[in-house]
Structure formats: C-alpha cells, structure tokens
Amino acid sequence: MHKAARQAAKAVLVAERQDKYSEMSKILFKNMKKLNNRSIREYAQEIGLDMKRYDKEINSPDIRKIVEQDTALARRIKVRSVPSIYINGKKAKNRTLVGLEKMIMEE
C-alpha cells in the first residue's frame, strides 16, 4: 500500500462530503508520487474545500471507520492497486472495453 494511501482515502471521503469527490480524486491521482499529509492538505485547499471542515473531518471516527472497512475488504479480495475492476468477484485482467465486454458476456 502506498505510504499516503490511508490519508488520501480519508481526504477523498472528506471531499465527497463537500461535493468535490471527482476533483480530489483527479488531483491525487495526478500527483500520486508526491503524496504526503502536507501535500494532500494543500491539494484539498487548491480544489476549494472548506478547510475548517476538512481539518475537523479528516481524522474523525466515522471517516477512519470507513477507510478501515474498505481496507479490510481490499485485503480480503486481494486488491493490490487502484483502480481495480472486479466482475462477479473476479478481477478483470484485460481492462480494455473489448476485454471487459468479453468478461461480462462470459459471466
């Protein structure tokens, strides 16, 4: 798991509460190699999040619980990276449109 993965996941959840999920996801993926707690907070500010809310919610018990549950699920189904695509519990290896269509038709 990426060293900043948990913080990034929490930040995306906080951003979602402010209707900025897409913006946060995009900026984090774009800057994946530069992520740390400080840079994630800077990206939150850059996309226009209410930083008082961000600071209050980023380590809240409910956000932490969601990330813990998602992490446990990822381990259980052996997700190693994101994005990952699963169809009927099977990991899609060929993530092209043709590959996904074929997999769906076979299921």
Protein backbone atom coordinates (compact mmCIF):
# COMPACT_ATOMS: atom_id res chain seq x y z
CA MET A 1 0.00 0.00 0.00
CA HIS A 2 1.22 3.48 -0.84
CA LYS A 3 2.57 5.29 2.24
CA ALA A 4 -0.05 8.04 1.91
CA ALA A 5 -2.92 5.79 0.80
CA ARG A 6 -4.91 6.00 4.02
CA GLN A 7 -4.63 9.78 4.25
CA ALA A 8 -5.56 10.09 0.58
CA ALA A 9 -8.59 7.85 1.10
CA LYS A 10 -9.71 9.93 4.05
CA ALA A 11 -9.24 13.14 2.06
CA VAL A 12 -11.38 11.82 -0.79
CA LEU A 13 -14.15 10.95 1.67
CA VAL A 14 -13.99 14.41 3.20
CA ALA A 15 -14.05 15.95 -0.27
CA GLU A 16 -17.08 13.84 -1.17
CA ARG A 17 -18.97 15.43 1.74
CA GLN A 18 -18.25 18.79 0.12
CA ASP A 19 -19.28 17.62 -3.37
CA LYS A 20 -15.67 17.63 -4.56
CA TYR A 21 -15.02 13.87 -4.85
CA SER A 22 -14.08 13.98 -8.52
CA GLU A 23 -11.80 16.98 -8.13
CA MET A 24 -9.95 15.43 -5.18
CA SER A 25 -9.60 12.04 -6.86
CA LYS A 26 -8.18 13.60 -10.01
CA ILE A 27 -5.64 15.78 -8.23
CA LEU A 28 -4.47 12.92 -6.01
CA PHE A 29 -4.01 10.50 -8.93
CA LYS A 30 -2.24 13.22 -10.92
CA ASN A 31 0.21 13.79 -8.06
CA MET A 32 0.42 10.23 -6.71
CA LYS A 33 4.21 10.20 -6.43
CA LYS A 34 4.24 13.40 -4.36
CA LEU A 35 1.62 12.49 -1.77
CA ASN A 36 2.10 13.05 1.94
CA ASN A 37 -0.12 14.56 4.62
CA ARG A 38 1.01 18.09 3.84
CA SER A 39 0.61 17.86 0.07
CA ILE A 40 -2.80 16.19 0.41
CA ARG A 41 -3.98 19.08 2.58
CA GLU A 42 -2.59 21.57 0.04
CA TYR A 43 -4.49 19.80 -2.76
CA ALA A 44 -7.67 19.97 -0.66
CA GLN A 45 -7.20 23.71 -0.36
CA GLU A 46 -6.36 24.02 -4.05
CA ILE A 47 -9.65 22.42 -5.12
CA GLY A 48 -11.58 24.75 -2.84
CA LEU A 49 -12.55 22.62 0.13
CA ASP A 50 -13.73 24.32 3.29
CA MET A 51 -10.52 23.78 5.25
CA LYS A 52 -12.13 24.17 8.67
CA ARG A 53 -14.41 21.26 7.80
CA TYR A 54 -11.51 19.36 6.25
CA ASP A 55 -9.39 19.69 9.39
CA LYS A 56 -12.31 18.67 11.58
CA GLU A 57 -13.36 15.66 9.49
CA ILE A 58 -10.06 14.23 8.21
CA ASN A 59 -9.40 12.29 11.43
CA SER A 60 -12.98 11.87 12.56
CA PRO A 61 -14.01 8.41 13.81
CA ASP A 62 -16.59 7.92 11.05
CA ILE A 63 -14.12 8.69 8.25
CA ARG A 64 -11.49 6.47 9.89
CA LYS A 65 -14.04 3.64 10.21
CA ILE A 66 -14.97 3.80 6.51
CA VAL A 67 -11.30 3.61 5.49
CA GLU A 68 -10.67 0.72 7.88
CA GLN A 69 -13.65 -1.20 6.47
CA ASP A 70 -12.58 -0.53 2.88
CA THR A 71 -9.01 -1.59 3.68
CA ALA A 72 -10.24 -4.84 5.24
CA LEU A 73 -12.40 -5.56 2.20
CA ALA A 74 -9.49 -4.82 -0.15
CA ARG A 75 -7.27 -7.24 1.74
CA ARG A 76 -9.96 -9.91 1.76
CA ILE A 77 -10.47 -9.75 -2.01
CA LYS A 78 -6.76 -9.15 -2.66
CA VAL A 79 -6.91 -5.71 -4.26
CA ARG A 80 -3.32 -4.59 -4.75
CA SER A 81 -3.83 -1.30 -6.57
CA VAL A 82 -6.45 1.20 -7.61
CA PRO A 83 -8.30 1.48 -9.77
CA SER A 84 -9.15 -2.23 -9.90
CA ILE A 85 -12.15 -3.70 -11.66
CA TYR A 86 -13.98 -6.81 -10.48
CA ILE A 87 -16.86 -8.51 -12.24
CA ASN A 88 -18.77 -11.08 -10.21
CA GLY A 89 -15.86 -11.33 -7.79
CA LYS A 90 -13.23 -11.92 -10.49
CA LYS A 91 -10.51 -9.38 -11.18
CA ALA A 92 -10.51 -8.03 -14.72
CA LYS A 93 -7.07 -8.53 -16.20
CA ASN A 94 -7.86 -7.03 -19.60
CA ARG A 95 -9.32 -3.63 -18.74
CA THR A 96 -9.96 -2.57 -22.33
CA LEU A 97 -13.56 -2.13 -23.42
CA VAL A 98 -13.34 -5.30 -25.52
CA GLY A 99 -11.79 -7.23 -22.64
CA LEU A 100 -14.42 -6.07 -20.15
CA GLU A 101 -17.27 -6.81 -22.58
CA LYS A 102 -15.88 -10.31 -23.13
CA MET A 103 -15.61 -10.92 -19.41
CA ILE A 104 -19.16 -9.69 -18.82
CA MET A 105 -20.52 -11.93 -21.57
CA GLU A 106 -18.67 -14.94 -20.12
CA GLU A 107 -20.18 -14.28 -16.71
